[in-house]
């Protein structure tokens, strides 16, 4: 008689557990993030004391991002002697965000884009040269040394 009770109990528990099984469309119920992508476009050459325009073209899901949540540029000189404050980019339309900047010192610079839209955040980085490089900057490029970040602070 006890065996029949255990079998009956086991059958009831099986029915309850089967009711908790995963739905076939469960994955469709969750938000699917579409990654944000950026292309940093810098002029072919920079001249000392001349206003230059740096662009970032943002796309997400194959479409231009017209109104990103935020787009900032961070620029610093490789040797650490100069670091510009993070600046908000200007929305120029059609997914293009720009920053006009004048550089008063020759050297190797880095630019980091901080951009976010619809929950996706990216921070691509690119290097560029203003004028002529110093001997130490040339050595830096030849050594393939890891790049130092401009700042460790997070401003978002």
N, C-alpha and C. Protein backbone atom coordinates (compact mmCIF):
# COMPACT_ATOMS: atom_id res chain seq x y z
N UNK A 1 0.81 -1.18 0.00
CA UNK A 1 0.00 0.00 0.00
C UNK A 1 0.87 1.27 0.00
N UNK A 2 1.99 1.22 0.74
CA UNK A 2 2.89 2.37 0.78
C UNK A 2 3.49 2.62 -0.59
N UNK A 3 3.74 1.56 -1.33
CA UNK A 3 4.35 1.71 -2.65
C UNK A 3 3.39 2.44 -3.58
N UNK A 4 2.14 2.14 -3.49
CA UNK A 4 1.13 2.79 -4.33
C UNK A 4 1.07 4.29 -4.00
N UNK A 5 1.15 4.63 -2.71
CA UNK A 5 1.14 6.04 -2.31
C UNK A 5 2.36 6.76 -2.87
N UNK A 6 3.55 6.14 -2.81
CA UNK A 6 4.77 6.75 -3.34
C UNK A 6 4.69 6.91 -4.85
N UNK A 7 4.15 5.95 -5.54
CA UNK A 7 4.01 6.05 -7.00
C UNK A 7 3.04 7.17 -7.34
N UNK A 8 1.93 7.24 -6.62
CA UNK A 8 0.94 8.29 -6.84
C UNK A 8 1.56 9.68 -6.57
N UNK A 9 2.31 9.80 -5.49
CA UNK A 9 2.97 11.05 -5.15
C UNK A 9 4.00 11.43 -6.21
N UNK A 10 4.73 10.49 -6.69
CA UNK A 10 5.73 10.71 -7.74
C UNK A 10 5.06 11.19 -9.03
N UNK A 11 3.93 10.63 -9.36
CA UNK A 11 3.20 11.04 -10.56
C UNK A 11 2.68 12.48 -10.42
N UNK A 12 2.19 12.84 -9.26
CA UNK A 12 1.69 14.21 -9.03
C UNK A 12 2.84 15.21 -9.12
N UNK A 13 3.97 14.87 -8.50
CA UNK A 13 5.14 15.76 -8.58
C UNK A 13 5.61 15.91 -10.02
N UNK A 14 5.57 14.86 -10.79
CA UNK A 14 5.96 14.92 -12.21
C UNK A 14 5.07 15.87 -12.98
N UNK A 15 3.77 15.83 -12.71
CA UNK A 15 2.84 16.72 -13.38
C UNK A 15 3.14 18.17 -13.02
N UNK A 16 3.40 18.46 -11.73
CA UNK A 16 3.72 19.82 -11.31
C UNK A 16 5.02 20.32 -11.94
N UNK A 17 6.03 19.48 -11.97
CA UNK A 17 7.31 19.88 -12.54
C UNK A 17 7.22 20.09 -14.05
N UNK A 18 6.42 19.30 -14.72
CA UNK A 18 6.28 19.48 -16.17
C UNK A 18 5.57 20.80 -16.49
N UNK A 19 4.78 21.29 -15.60
CA UNK A 19 4.11 22.58 -15.81
C UNK A 19 5.11 23.73 -15.76
N UNK A 20 6.28 23.52 -15.16
CA UNK A 20 7.31 24.55 -15.05
C UNK A 20 8.33 24.47 -16.17
N UNK A 21 8.08 23.70 -17.19
CA UNK A 21 9.07 23.55 -18.25
C UNK A 21 9.21 24.84 -19.06
N UNK A 22 10.34 25.00 -19.72
CA UNK A 22 10.67 26.18 -20.49
C UNK A 22 9.81 26.29 -21.74
N UNK A 23 9.31 27.50 -21.98
CA UNK A 23 8.53 27.73 -23.19
C UNK A 23 9.43 27.72 -24.41
N UNK A 24 8.90 27.29 -25.53
CA UNK A 24 9.69 27.24 -26.75
C UNK A 24 10.09 28.64 -27.22
N UNK A 25 9.29 29.66 -26.94
CA UNK A 25 9.57 31.02 -27.37
C UNK A 25 10.18 31.88 -26.25
N UNK A 26 10.75 31.24 -25.23
CA UNK A 26 11.27 31.98 -24.08
C UNK A 26 12.37 32.96 -24.48
N UNK A 27 13.22 32.61 -25.42
CA UNK A 27 14.30 33.51 -25.85
C UNK A 27 13.75 34.78 -26.48
N UNK A 28 12.60 34.70 -27.12
CA UNK A 28 12.00 35.87 -27.76
C UNK A 28 11.45 36.86 -26.74
N UNK A 29 11.25 36.42 -25.51
CA UNK A 29 10.69 37.29 -24.48
C UNK A 29 11.73 38.25 -23.91
N UNK A 30 13.02 37.98 -24.11
CA UNK A 30 14.10 38.81 -23.58
C UNK A 30 14.53 39.85 -24.60
N UNK A 31 14.99 40.97 -24.10
CA UNK A 31 15.46 42.05 -24.97
C UNK A 31 16.75 41.60 -25.66
N UNK A 32 16.81 41.82 -26.95
CA UNK A 32 18.00 41.49 -27.72
C UNK A 32 18.75 42.80 -27.98
N UNK A 33 19.97 42.89 -27.45
CA UNK A 33 20.76 44.10 -27.62
C UNK A 33 21.41 44.12 -29.00
N UNK A 34 21.31 45.26 -29.64
CA UNK A 34 21.99 45.48 -30.91
C UNK A 34 23.21 46.34 -30.61
N UNK A 35 24.42 45.83 -30.88
CA UNK A 35 25.62 46.58 -30.51
C UNK A 35 25.78 47.87 -31.32
N UNK A 36 26.28 48.87 -30.65
CA UNK A 36 26.59 50.16 -31.25
C UNK A 36 27.95 50.03 -31.93
N UNK A 37 28.09 50.61 -33.11
CA UNK A 37 29.37 50.59 -33.83
C UNK A 37 29.76 52.01 -34.17
N UNK A 38 31.07 52.28 -34.19
CA UNK A 38 31.56 53.62 -34.48
C UNK A 38 32.77 53.57 -35.39
N UNK A 39 32.84 54.55 -36.26
CA UNK A 39 34.02 54.75 -37.10
C UNK A 39 34.54 56.14 -36.76
N UNK A 40 35.79 56.22 -36.29
CA UNK A 40 36.41 57.50 -35.98
C UNK A 40 37.14 57.95 -37.25
N UNK A 41 36.77 59.13 -37.74
CA UNK A 41 37.37 59.67 -38.96
C UNK A 41 38.19 60.90 -38.58
N UNK A 42 39.50 60.80 -38.81
CA UNK A 42 40.38 61.93 -38.51
C UNK A 42 40.99 62.42 -39.82
N UNK A 43 41.36 63.71 -39.88
CA UNK A 43 41.99 64.23 -41.10
C UNK A 43 43.28 63.47 -41.42
N UNK A 44 43.65 63.48 -42.70
CA UNK A 44 44.88 62.79 -43.12
C UNK A 44 46.11 63.35 -42.42
N UNK A 45 46.12 64.65 -42.19
CA UNK A 45 47.24 65.25 -41.46
C UNK A 45 46.71 66.40 -40.60
N UNK A 46 47.35 66.59 -39.47
CA UNK A 46 47.03 67.68 -38.57
C UNK A 46 48.19 68.67 -38.61
N UNK A 47 47.86 69.93 -38.54
CA UNK A 47 48.88 70.96 -38.48
C UNK A 47 48.77 71.68 -37.14
N UNK A 48 49.92 72.08 -36.64
CA UNK A 48 49.97 72.79 -35.38
C UNK A 48 49.24 74.13 -35.52
N UNK A 49 48.45 74.50 -34.53
CA UNK A 49 47.70 75.75 -34.47
C UNK A 49 46.69 75.93 -35.60
N UNK A 50 46.12 74.84 -36.09
CA UNK A 50 45.09 74.91 -37.12
C UNK A 50 43.87 74.11 -36.66
N UNK A 51 42.69 74.71 -36.77
CA UNK A 51 41.45 74.06 -36.37
C UNK A 51 41.18 72.86 -37.28
N UNK A 52 40.98 71.70 -36.70
CA UNK A 52 40.70 70.46 -37.45
C UNK A 52 39.41 69.86 -36.92
N UNK A 53 38.72 69.09 -37.77
CA UNK A 53 37.46 68.46 -37.38
C UNK A 53 37.62 66.95 -37.34
N UNK A 54 37.27 66.39 -36.20
CA UNK A 54 37.29 64.94 -36.00
C UNK A 54 35.84 64.47 -36.01
N UNK A 55 35.59 63.35 -36.69
CA UNK A 55 34.22 62.85 -36.81
C UNK A 55 34.09 61.45 -36.24
N UNK A 56 32.91 61.15 -35.77
CA UNK A 56 32.54 59.78 -35.39
C UNK A 56 31.23 59.48 -36.08
N UNK A 57 31.19 58.37 -36.80
CA UNK A 57 29.97 57.95 -37.47
C UNK A 57 29.44 56.74 -36.71
N UNK A 58 28.25 56.90 -36.14
CA UNK A 58 27.65 55.85 -35.31
C UNK A 58 26.55 55.11 -36.07
N UNK A 59 26.60 53.78 -35.96
CA UNK A 59 25.54 52.94 -36.52
C UNK A 59 25.14 51.90 -35.48
N UNK A 60 23.90 51.48 -35.59
CA UNK A 60 23.38 50.44 -34.70
C UNK A 60 22.31 49.67 -35.46
N UNK A 61 22.51 48.38 -35.57
CA UNK A 61 21.57 47.55 -36.32
C UNK A 61 21.54 47.91 -37.80
N UNK A 62 22.68 48.37 -38.33
CA UNK A 62 22.77 48.73 -39.75
C UNK A 62 22.20 50.09 -40.09
N UNK A 63 21.75 50.86 -39.09
CA UNK A 63 21.17 52.18 -39.33
C UNK A 63 22.00 53.24 -38.64
N UNK A 64 22.04 54.43 -39.22
CA UNK A 64 22.74 55.57 -38.61
C UNK A 64 22.02 55.97 -37.32
N UNK A 65 22.78 56.29 -36.30
CA UNK A 65 22.21 56.71 -35.01
C UNK A 65 22.05 58.22 -35.03
N UNK A 66 20.82 58.67 -35.18
CA UNK A 66 20.52 60.10 -35.30
C UNK A 66 20.62 60.84 -33.97
N UNK A 67 20.21 60.19 -32.88
CA UNK A 67 20.22 60.84 -31.57
C UNK A 67 20.78 59.87 -30.53
N UNK A 68 22.07 59.81 -30.43
CA UNK A 68 22.71 58.93 -29.45
C UNK A 68 22.47 59.45 -28.04
N UNK A 69 22.49 58.56 -27.07
CA UNK A 69 22.31 58.96 -25.67
C UNK A 69 23.44 59.89 -25.23
N UNK A 70 24.69 59.58 -25.65
CA UNK A 70 25.82 60.47 -25.39
C UNK A 70 26.96 60.14 -26.36
N UNK A 71 27.72 61.19 -26.71
CA UNK A 71 28.91 61.05 -27.55
C UNK A 71 29.93 62.07 -27.05
N UNK A 72 31.05 61.58 -26.52
CA UNK A 72 32.10 62.45 -26.01
C UNK A 72 33.44 62.02 -26.61
N UNK A 73 34.33 62.99 -26.78
CA UNK A 73 35.69 62.71 -27.22
C UNK A 73 36.65 63.02 -26.09
N UNK A 74 37.65 62.18 -25.94
CA UNK A 74 38.71 62.38 -24.96
C UNK A 74 40.02 62.32 -25.73
N UNK A 75 40.88 63.33 -25.56
CA UNK A 75 42.13 63.42 -26.32
C UNK A 75 43.28 63.67 -25.35
N UNK A 76 44.41 62.97 -25.58
CA UNK A 76 45.60 63.19 -24.78
C UNK A 76 46.84 62.93 -25.61
N UNK A 77 47.93 63.55 -25.18
CA UNK A 77 49.23 63.37 -25.83
C UNK A 77 49.89 62.13 -25.23
N UNK A 78 50.55 61.36 -26.06
CA UNK A 78 51.12 60.07 -25.65
C UNK A 78 52.08 60.19 -24.48
N UNK A 79 52.89 61.23 -24.46
CA UNK A 79 53.89 61.36 -23.39
C UNK A 79 53.31 61.86 -22.07
N UNK A 80 52.03 62.16 -22.04
CA UNK A 80 51.37 62.58 -20.81
C UNK A 80 51.49 64.05 -20.49
N UNK A 81 52.12 64.83 -21.36
CA UNK A 81 52.31 66.25 -21.08
C UNK A 81 51.06 67.09 -21.34
N UNK A 82 50.09 66.53 -22.03
CA UNK A 82 48.89 67.28 -22.36
C UNK A 82 47.69 66.35 -22.37
N UNK A 83 46.63 66.77 -21.69
CA UNK A 83 45.38 66.02 -21.71
C UNK A 83 44.23 67.01 -21.75
N UNK A 84 43.43 66.91 -22.80
CA UNK A 84 42.27 67.79 -22.93
C UNK A 84 41.12 67.21 -22.12
N UNK A 85 40.26 68.06 -21.57
CA UNK A 85 39.09 67.54 -20.86
C UNK A 85 38.14 66.86 -21.85
N UNK A 86 37.38 65.90 -21.37
CA UNK A 86 36.42 65.21 -22.22
C UNK A 86 35.41 66.25 -22.71
N UNK A 87 35.13 66.20 -24.03
CA UNK A 87 34.23 67.16 -24.63
C UNK A 87 33.08 66.46 -25.35
N UNK A 88 31.90 67.06 -25.24
CA UNK A 88 30.73 66.51 -25.91
C UNK A 88 30.82 66.82 -27.40
N UNK A 89 30.50 65.83 -28.22
CA UNK A 89 30.52 66.00 -29.66
C UNK A 89 29.25 66.72 -30.11
N UNK A 90 29.36 67.39 -31.25
CA UNK A 90 28.21 68.08 -31.84
C UNK A 90 27.54 67.13 -32.83
N UNK A 91 26.22 67.01 -32.74
CA UNK A 91 25.46 66.16 -33.65
C UNK A 91 25.33 66.90 -34.98
N UNK A 92 25.99 66.38 -36.02
CA UNK A 92 25.96 67.02 -37.34
C UNK A 92 24.92 66.39 -38.25
N UNK A 93 24.15 65.44 -37.73
CA UNK A 93 23.11 64.78 -38.51
C UNK A 93 23.60 63.55 -39.25
N UNK A 94 22.68 62.73 -39.67
CA UNK A 94 22.96 61.51 -40.43
C UNK A 94 23.93 60.58 -39.70
N UNK A 95 23.86 60.53 -38.37
CA UNK A 95 24.70 59.63 -37.59
C UNK A 95 26.12 60.11 -37.40
N UNK A 96 26.42 61.35 -37.79
CA UNK A 96 27.77 61.90 -37.68
C UNK A 96 27.85 62.88 -36.52
N UNK A 97 28.87 62.71 -35.70
CA UNK A 97 29.12 63.55 -34.54
C UNK A 97 30.52 64.13 -34.68
N UNK A 98 30.68 65.43 -34.45
CA UNK A 98 31.96 66.08 -34.73
C UNK A 98 32.51 66.85 -33.53
N UNK A 99 33.81 67.07 -33.60
CA UNK A 99 34.52 67.90 -32.62
C UNK A 99 35.58 68.67 -33.40
N UNK A 100 35.58 69.99 -33.26
CA UNK A 100 36.62 70.82 -33.88
C UNK A 100 37.65 71.14 -32.81
N UNK A 101 38.91 70.94 -33.16
CA UNK A 101 39.97 71.09 -32.16
C UNK A 101 41.20 71.71 -32.81
N UNK A 102 41.89 72.54 -32.05
CA UNK A 102 43.16 73.12 -32.48
C UNK A 102 44.26 72.56 -31.58
N UNK A 103 45.32 72.05 -32.18
CA UNK A 103 46.42 71.46 -31.42
C UNK A 103 47.62 72.40 -31.50
N UNK A 104 48.19 72.76 -30.34
CA UNK A 104 49.29 73.71 -30.32
C UNK A 104 50.65 73.07 -30.08
N UNK A 105 50.69 71.74 -30.03
CA UNK A 105 51.97 71.04 -29.84
C UNK A 105 52.05 69.86 -30.80
N UNK A 106 53.23 69.70 -31.40
CA UNK A 106 53.47 68.52 -32.24
C UNK A 106 53.52 67.29 -31.36
N UNK A 107 53.27 66.13 -31.97
CA UNK A 107 53.44 64.89 -31.23
C UNK A 107 52.43 63.82 -31.57
N UNK A 108 52.52 62.74 -30.83
CA UNK A 108 51.63 61.59 -30.97
C UNK A 108 50.48 61.75 -29.99
N UNK A 109 49.26 61.70 -30.50
CA UNK A 109 48.06 61.87 -29.70
C UNK A 109 47.18 60.63 -29.79
N UNK A 110 46.30 60.50 -28.81
CA UNK A 110 45.29 59.45 -28.83
C UNK A 110 43.93 60.10 -28.63
N UNK A 111 42.95 59.53 -29.29
CA UNK A 111 41.57 59.98 -29.12
C UNK A 111 40.73 58.77 -28.76
N UNK A 112 39.88 58.95 -27.76
CA UNK A 112 38.96 57.88 -27.35
C UNK A 112 37.55 58.43 -27.45
N UNK A 113 36.71 57.67 -28.11
CA UNK A 113 35.31 58.03 -28.25
C UNK A 113 34.52 57.31 -27.17
N UNK A 114 33.72 58.04 -26.44
CA UNK A 114 32.81 57.47 -25.45
C UNK A 114 31.40 57.68 -26.01
N UNK A 115 30.75 56.60 -26.42
CA UNK A 115 29.42 56.74 -27.03
C UNK A 115 28.48 55.69 -26.47
N UNK A 116 27.23 56.07 -26.34
CA UNK A 116 26.21 55.14 -25.85
C UNK A 116 24.87 55.41 -26.50
N UNK A 117 24.15 54.32 -26.76
CA UNK A 117 22.80 54.45 -27.30
C UNK A 117 22.03 53.17 -27.02
N UNK A 118 20.83 53.32 -26.53
CA UNK A 118 19.91 52.20 -26.32
C UNK A 118 20.55 51.05 -25.53
N UNK A 119 21.30 51.40 -24.47
CA UNK A 119 21.89 50.40 -23.60
C UNK A 119 23.24 49.86 -24.05
N UNK A 120 23.71 50.22 -25.23
CA UNK A 120 25.00 49.77 -25.74
C UNK A 120 26.01 50.90 -25.58
N UNK A 121 27.16 50.61 -24.95
CA UNK A 121 28.21 51.61 -24.73
C UNK A 121 29.50 51.10 -25.35
N UNK A 122 30.19 52.00 -26.09
CA UNK A 122 31.47 51.63 -26.70
C UNK A 122 32.49 52.73 -26.42
N UNK A 123 33.78 52.35 -26.46
CA UNK A 123 34.87 53.30 -26.23
C UNK A 123 36.06 52.97 -27.14
N UNK A 124 35.89 53.10 -28.47
CA UNK A 124 37.02 52.83 -29.36
C UNK A 124 38.07 53.93 -29.24
N UNK A 125 39.30 53.59 -29.62
CA UNK A 125 40.43 54.50 -29.47
C UNK A 125 41.25 54.49 -30.75
N UNK A 126 41.85 55.63 -31.08
CA UNK A 126 42.66 55.75 -32.28
C UNK A 126 43.81 56.70 -32.01
N UNK A 127 44.93 56.49 -32.68
CA UNK A 127 46.06 57.39 -32.52
C UNK A 127 46.21 58.25 -33.77
N UNK A 128 46.82 59.44 -33.60
CA UNK A 128 47.09 60.32 -34.73
C UNK A 128 48.30 61.19 -34.42
N UNK A 129 48.85 61.80 -35.45
CA UNK A 129 50.07 62.60 -35.31
C UNK A 129 49.77 64.04 -35.69
N UNK A 130 50.27 64.96 -34.86
CA UNK A 130 50.20 66.38 -35.16
C UNK A 130 51.63 66.83 -35.42
N UNK A 131 51.87 67.38 -36.61
CA UNK A 131 53.21 67.86 -36.95
C UNK A 131 54.22 66.74 -37.03
N UNK A 132 55.33 66.93 -36.30
CA UNK A 132 56.43 65.96 -36.31
C UNK A 132 56.53 65.25 -34.98
N UNK A 133 57.03 64.01 -35.02
CA UNK A 133 57.21 63.21 -33.81
C UNK A 133 58.58 63.44 -33.20
N UNK A 134 58.65 63.37 -31.87
CA UNK A 134 59.94 63.43 -31.18
C UNK A 134 60.61 62.05 -31.27
N UNK A 135 61.85 61.99 -30.87
CA UNK A 135 62.60 60.72 -30.89
C UNK A 135 61.92 59.68 -29.98
N UNK A 136 61.49 60.12 -28.80
CA UNK A 136 60.85 59.18 -27.87
C UNK A 136 59.51 58.68 -28.41
N UNK A 137 58.78 59.52 -29.12
CA UNK A 137 57.50 59.10 -29.71
C UNK A 137 57.72 58.11 -30.84
N UNK A 138 58.77 58.33 -31.63
CA UNK A 138 59.11 57.36 -32.69
C UNK A 138 59.47 56.01 -32.07
N UNK A 139 60.25 56.04 -31.00
CA UNK A 139 60.61 54.79 -30.31
C UNK A 139 59.38 54.10 -29.75
N UNK A 140 58.45 54.88 -29.21
CA UNK A 140 57.21 54.32 -28.68
C UNK A 140 56.45 53.57 -29.77
N UNK A 141 56.33 54.17 -30.93
CA UNK A 141 55.62 53.52 -32.04
C UNK A 141 56.33 52.25 -32.52
N UNK A 142 57.65 52.25 -32.47
CA UNK A 142 58.41 51.10 -32.93
C UNK A 142 58.42 49.96 -31.94
N UNK A 143 58.26 50.26 -30.65
CA UNK A 143 58.28 49.22 -29.61
C UNK A 143 56.97 48.47 -29.49
N UNK A 144 55.88 49.04 -30.01
CA UNK A 144 54.57 48.43 -29.87
C UNK A 144 54.19 48.28 -28.40
N UNK A 145 54.42 49.35 -27.64
CA UNK A 145 54.14 49.40 -26.21
C UNK A 145 52.64 49.54 -25.99
N UNK A 146 52.07 48.89 -24.96
CA UNK A 146 50.64 49.07 -24.68
C UNK A 146 50.32 50.55 -24.43
N UNK A 147 49.17 50.98 -24.90
CA UNK A 147 48.74 52.36 -24.80
C UNK A 147 48.23 52.66 -23.40
N UNK A 148 48.68 53.79 -22.84
CA UNK A 148 48.15 54.21 -21.55
C UNK A 148 46.82 54.89 -21.78
N UNK A 149 45.88 54.69 -20.89
CA UNK A 149 44.60 55.36 -21.00
C UNK A 149 44.74 56.79 -20.53
N UNK A 150 43.97 57.66 -21.13
CA UNK A 150 44.03 59.08 -20.78
C UNK A 150 43.57 59.33 -19.36
N UNK A 151 42.57 58.61 -18.92
CA UNK A 151 42.04 58.81 -17.58
C UNK A 151 41.34 57.54 -17.13
N UNK A 152 41.26 57.35 -15.87
CA UNK A 152 40.57 56.19 -15.32
C UNK A 152 39.18 56.56 -14.82
N UNK A 153 38.86 57.86 -14.85
CA UNK A 153 37.56 58.29 -14.36
C UNK A 153 36.49 57.95 -15.37
N UNK A 154 35.28 57.78 -14.88
CA UNK A 154 34.15 57.49 -15.75
C UNK A 154 33.13 58.60 -15.58
N UNK A 155 32.77 59.29 -16.65
CA UNK A 155 31.96 60.50 -16.55
C UNK A 155 30.53 60.30 -17.00
N UNK A 156 30.00 59.11 -17.02
CA UNK A 156 28.64 58.92 -17.55
C UNK A 156 27.71 58.57 -16.45
